[in-house]
Amino acid sequence: MASTAFHDLLDQLSTNEHRRVRRLMESNEIDFDENDNWVSTSIFDGRPMSVRFRVDEDSCQYSCTCEQYQKSPIPPCPHVMAALTTAEERGWLALDGVMLEPAGEQKPLEVAPEPSYWKKAIARVQAMHENEPDHESYWPADRQLMYMLDTVRSSSGPGLVIETICRDRKRDGTFGKFQSAGISRRVADALSDPVDRDIAAMLIG
């Protein structure tokens, strides 16, 4: 099977592909389990994706339950890249010069995630609500909200994928850099522009 060095693959990713990998890393609490020399994790991307990999000296075998991997495991899907990048950034793996190759077919998950996953997710949501500040400090009136079309995910999915980004006004009156903005119902209610409130309500559903 064909193999490519991990860092060479990172360098070959487009800007949108890099952003998708980073978004998966930021939107998931990626935990790793080890069993029989295989490391596994679950990454949620519309549904839970099961990623597995095994590193032996200078090679790494990987697999994923996503549709992209089932159709074409080379190059690695964003879920595999997100898992490996997370492991390397945490210092658990040294992937410099390590060659990647698919491990073979892995059947898609047909069961729900383990209860512990949902318990942790619920606990995080509850903590967010308990620690949320008032509307004014949570979403300043002069914070600028914009909407960006994710062309990569929109072209491969059933509908449009919209990403919300924002930037804050600095002390000198100019705006800072755009950054990803998570929009909850509480944030939507705090928006000063009624048009933004309507759009946010539609995006939240």
Protein backbone atom coordinates (compact mmCIF):
# COMPACT_ATOMS: atom_id res chain seq x y z
CA MET A 1 0.00 0.00 0.00
CA ALA A 2 1.14 3.54 -0.71
CA SER A 3 2.57 5.55 2.17
CA THR A 4 3.47 9.19 2.71
CA ALA A 5 5.30 10.99 5.51
CA PHE A 6 2.97 12.66 8.02
CA HIS A 7 4.53 16.12 7.87
CA ASP A 8 4.67 16.00 4.06
CA LEU A 9 0.91 15.42 4.10
CA LEU A 10 0.42 18.38 6.42
CA ASP A 11 2.40 20.60 4.06
CA GLN A 12 0.25 19.44 1.12
CA LEU A 13 -3.06 20.34 2.77
CA SER A 14 -4.89 23.33 1.34
CA THR A 15 -5.84 26.27 3.54
CA ASN A 16 -9.43 25.01 3.78
CA GLU A 17 -8.25 21.49 4.65
CA HIS A 18 -5.97 22.88 7.36
CA ARG A 19 -8.88 24.87 8.75
CA ARG A 20 -11.16 21.84 8.79
CA VAL A 21 -8.58 19.74 10.65
CA ARG A 22 -8.06 22.53 13.18
CA ARG A 23 -11.84 22.98 13.55
CA LEU A 24 -12.26 19.27 14.32
CA MET A 25 -9.51 19.52 16.93
CA GLU A 26 -11.09 22.56 18.57
CA SER A 27 -14.67 21.27 18.54
CA ASN A 28 -13.87 17.84 20.00
CA GLU A 29 -12.47 16.80 23.35
CA ILE A 30 -10.16 14.19 21.84
CA ASP A 31 -9.31 11.41 24.30
CA PHE A 32 -7.25 8.36 23.40
CA ASP A 33 -7.62 4.71 24.44
CA GLU A 34 -5.02 2.01 23.80
CA ASN A 35 -5.80 -1.65 23.19
CA ASP A 36 -3.51 -4.29 21.65
CA ASN A 37 -1.05 -1.61 20.47
CA TRP A 38 -3.83 0.26 18.67
CA VAL A 39 -4.77 3.77 19.78
CA SER A 40 -8.39 4.78 19.21
CA THR A 41 -10.51 7.90 19.61
CA SER A 42 -13.92 9.21 18.58
CA ILE A 43 -14.31 12.46 16.65
CA PHE A 44 -17.76 13.96 16.13
CA ASP A 45 -18.30 15.42 12.65
CA GLY A 46 -22.04 15.28 12.02
CA ARG A 47 -21.89 11.80 13.57
CA PRO A 48 -19.25 9.95 15.64
CA MET A 49 -16.23 8.83 13.61
CA SER A 50 -14.00 6.11 15.06
CA VAL A 51 -10.30 6.69 14.33
CA ARG A 52 -7.60 4.09 15.04
CA PHE A 53 -3.86 4.19 14.50
CA ARG A 54 -0.75 2.22 15.41
CA VAL A 55 2.82 3.52 15.28
CA ASP A 56 5.68 1.06 14.74
CA GLU A 57 9.10 2.73 14.62
CA ASP A 58 8.93 4.80 11.41
CA SER A 59 5.46 3.82 10.15
CA CYS A 60 1.89 4.50 11.23
CA GLN A 61 -1.17 2.54 10.16
CA TYR A 62 -4.53 4.28 10.43
CA SER A 63 -8.23 3.75 9.78
CA CYS A 64 -11.49 5.67 10.15
CA THR A 65 -15.18 4.86 9.92
CA CYS A 66 -16.00 7.95 7.82
CA GLU A 67 -17.35 7.74 4.28
CA GLN A 68 -14.23 9.36 2.80
CA TYR A 69 -11.98 6.64 4.23
CA GLN A 70 -14.30 3.87 3.04
CA LYS A 71 -14.20 5.27 -0.51
CA SER A 72 -10.54 6.29 -0.65
CA PRO A 73 -8.27 5.84 2.40
CA ILE A 74 -5.41 7.69 0.69
CA PRO A 75 -4.72 10.47 1.54
CA PRO A 76 -5.85 10.26 5.20
CA CYS A 77 -9.21 11.86 5.99
CA PRO A 78 -9.42 15.02 8.17
CA HIS A 79 -10.47 12.91 11.18
CA VAL A 80 -7.24 10.88 11.04
CA MET A 81 -5.16 14.04 10.55
CA ALA A 82 -6.93 15.73 13.49
CA ALA A 83 -6.29 12.74 15.77
CA LEU A 84 -2.61 12.41 14.81
CA THR A 85 -1.98 16.16 15.01
CA THR A 86 -3.57 16.27 18.47
CA ALA A 87 -1.43 13.34 19.67
CA GLU A 88 1.73 15.00 18.35
CA GLU A 89 0.93 18.45 19.76
CA ARG A 90 0.35 16.89 23.19
CA GLY A 91 3.77 15.24 22.98
CA TRP A 92 2.42 11.70 22.91
CA LEU A 93 3.77 10.92 19.44
CA ALA A 94 6.84 11.97 17.47
CA LEU A 95 5.74 11.80 13.83
CA ASP A 96 8.73 13.44 12.15
CA GLY A 97 9.62 11.16 9.24
CA VAL A 98 6.88 8.66 10.11
CA MET A 99 5.20 7.17 7.04
CA LEU A 100 1.40 6.81 7.01
CA GLU A 101 -0.51 3.99 5.38
CA PRO A 102 -4.12 2.79 5.66
CA ALA A 103 -4.70 -0.24 7.86
CA GLY A 104 -7.58 -1.61 5.82
CA GLU A 105 -11.34 -1.41 5.87
CA GLN A 106 -13.07 -0.46 9.09
CA LYS A 107 -16.84 -0.82 9.30
CA PRO A 108 -18.81 2.33 10.17
CA LEU A 109 -20.05 2.65 13.72
CA GLU A 110 -23.60 1.39 14.22
CA VAL A 111 -23.82 2.06 17.95
CA ALA A 112 -24.17 5.25 19.91
CA PRO A 113 -21.15 6.71 21.70
CA GLU A 114 -20.37 5.42 25.17
CA PRO A 115 -22.45 7.01 27.95
CA SER A 116 -19.32 8.64 29.35
CA TYR A 117 -19.07 10.76 26.19
CA TRP A 118 -22.55 12.16 26.73
CA LYS A 119 -22.00 12.64 30.46
CA LYS A 120 -18.92 14.73 29.76
CA ALA A 121 -20.73 16.70 27.05
CA ILE A 122 -23.67 17.44 29.33
CA ALA A 123 -21.32 18.44 32.15
CA ARG A 124 -19.51 20.89 29.84
CA VAL A 125 -22.82 22.46 28.74
CA GLN A 126 -24.01 22.78 32.32
CA ALA A 127 -20.71 24.39 33.35
CA MET A 128 -20.98 26.86 30.47
CA HIS A 129 -24.46 27.93 31.57
CA GLU A 130 -23.41 28.25 35.21
CA ASN A 131 -20.42 30.45 34.35
CA GLU A 132 -21.97 32.58 31.60
CA PRO A 133 -21.64 36.32 32.27
CA ASP A 134 -24.34 38.86 31.52
CA HIS A 135 -25.27 39.68 27.91
CA GLU A 136 -23.29 42.89 27.66
CA SER A 137 -19.96 41.39 28.77
CA TYR A 138 -20.61 38.12 26.92
CA TRP A 139 -21.13 39.80 23.54
CA PRO A 140 -19.99 43.44 23.41
CA ALA A 141 -22.20 45.80 21.40
CA ASP A 142 -19.32 46.80 19.08
CA ARG A 143 -18.23 43.22 18.31
CA GLN A 144 -18.56 42.59 14.56
CA LEU A 145 -20.18 39.33 13.47
CA MET A 146 -19.78 37.89 9.97
CA TYR A 147 -20.82 34.72 8.18
CA MET A 148 -18.46 32.65 6.04
CA LEU A 149 -19.46 29.90 3.62
CA ASP A 150 -17.43 26.69 4.05
CA THR A 151 -17.17 25.70 0.40
CA VAL A 152 -15.35 22.41 1.07
CA ARG A 153 -17.94 20.97 3.45
CA SER A 154 -20.85 22.50 1.53
CA SER A 155 -19.76 20.84 -1.72
CA SER A 156 -19.51 17.41 -0.07
CA GLY A 157 -22.60 17.63 2.13
CA PRO A 158 -26.38 17.85 1.70
CA GLY A 159 -26.55 21.61 2.25
CA LEU A 160 -24.70 24.84 2.92
CA VAL A 161 -22.28 24.95 5.85
CA ILE A 162 -21.98 28.43 7.37
CA GLU A 163 -19.22 29.35 9.82
CA THR A 164 -19.64 32.34 12.12
CA ILE A 165 -16.62 34.55 12.80
CA CYS A 166 -16.20 37.75 14.77
CA ARG A 167 -13.71 40.49 15.58
CA ASP A 168 -13.51 43.06 18.37
CA ARG A 169 -12.76 46.74 18.17
CA LYS A 170 -9.39 47.71 19.67
CA ARG A 171 -8.68 50.75 21.80
CA ASP A 172 -7.46 52.73 18.80
CA GLY A 173 -10.82 52.22 17.07
CA THR A 174 -9.62 49.67 14.51
CA PHE A 175 -10.78 46.07 14.41
CA GLY A 176 -8.62 43.11 15.39
CA LYS A 177 -8.32 39.80 13.57
CA PHE A 178 -11.31 37.58 12.87
CA GLN A 179 -11.71 34.50 15.02
CA SER A 180 -14.19 31.65 15.17
CA ALA A 181 -17.39 32.52 17.04
CA GLY A 182 -19.66 29.93 18.59
CA ILE A 183 -23.28 31.13 18.56
CA SER A 184 -25.56 29.84 21.31
CA ARG A 185 -29.13 30.94 21.99
CA ARG A 186 -27.84 33.17 24.79
CA VAL A 187 -25.41 34.85 22.39
CA ALA A 188 -28.11 35.21 19.73
CA ASP A 189 -30.35 37.01 22.22
CA ALA A 190 -27.47 39.36 23.11
CA LEU A 191 -26.80 40.51 19.53
CA SER A 192 -27.59 44.19 19.07
CA ASP A 193 -28.46 43.94 15.37
CA PRO A 194 -31.95 42.45 14.83
CA VAL A 195 -30.85 41.04 11.46
CA ASP A 196 -28.00 39.18 13.15
CA ARG A 197 -30.43 37.89 15.77
CA ASP A 198 -32.71 36.51 13.05
CA ILE A 199 -29.82 34.91 11.13
CA ALA A 200 -28.35 33.41 14.31
CA ALA A 201 -31.74 31.99 15.26
CA MET A 202 -32.02 30.29 11.85
CA LEU A 203 -28.48 28.86 12.11
CA ILE A 204 -29.13 27.49 15.59
CA GLY A 205 -32.45 25.99 14.47
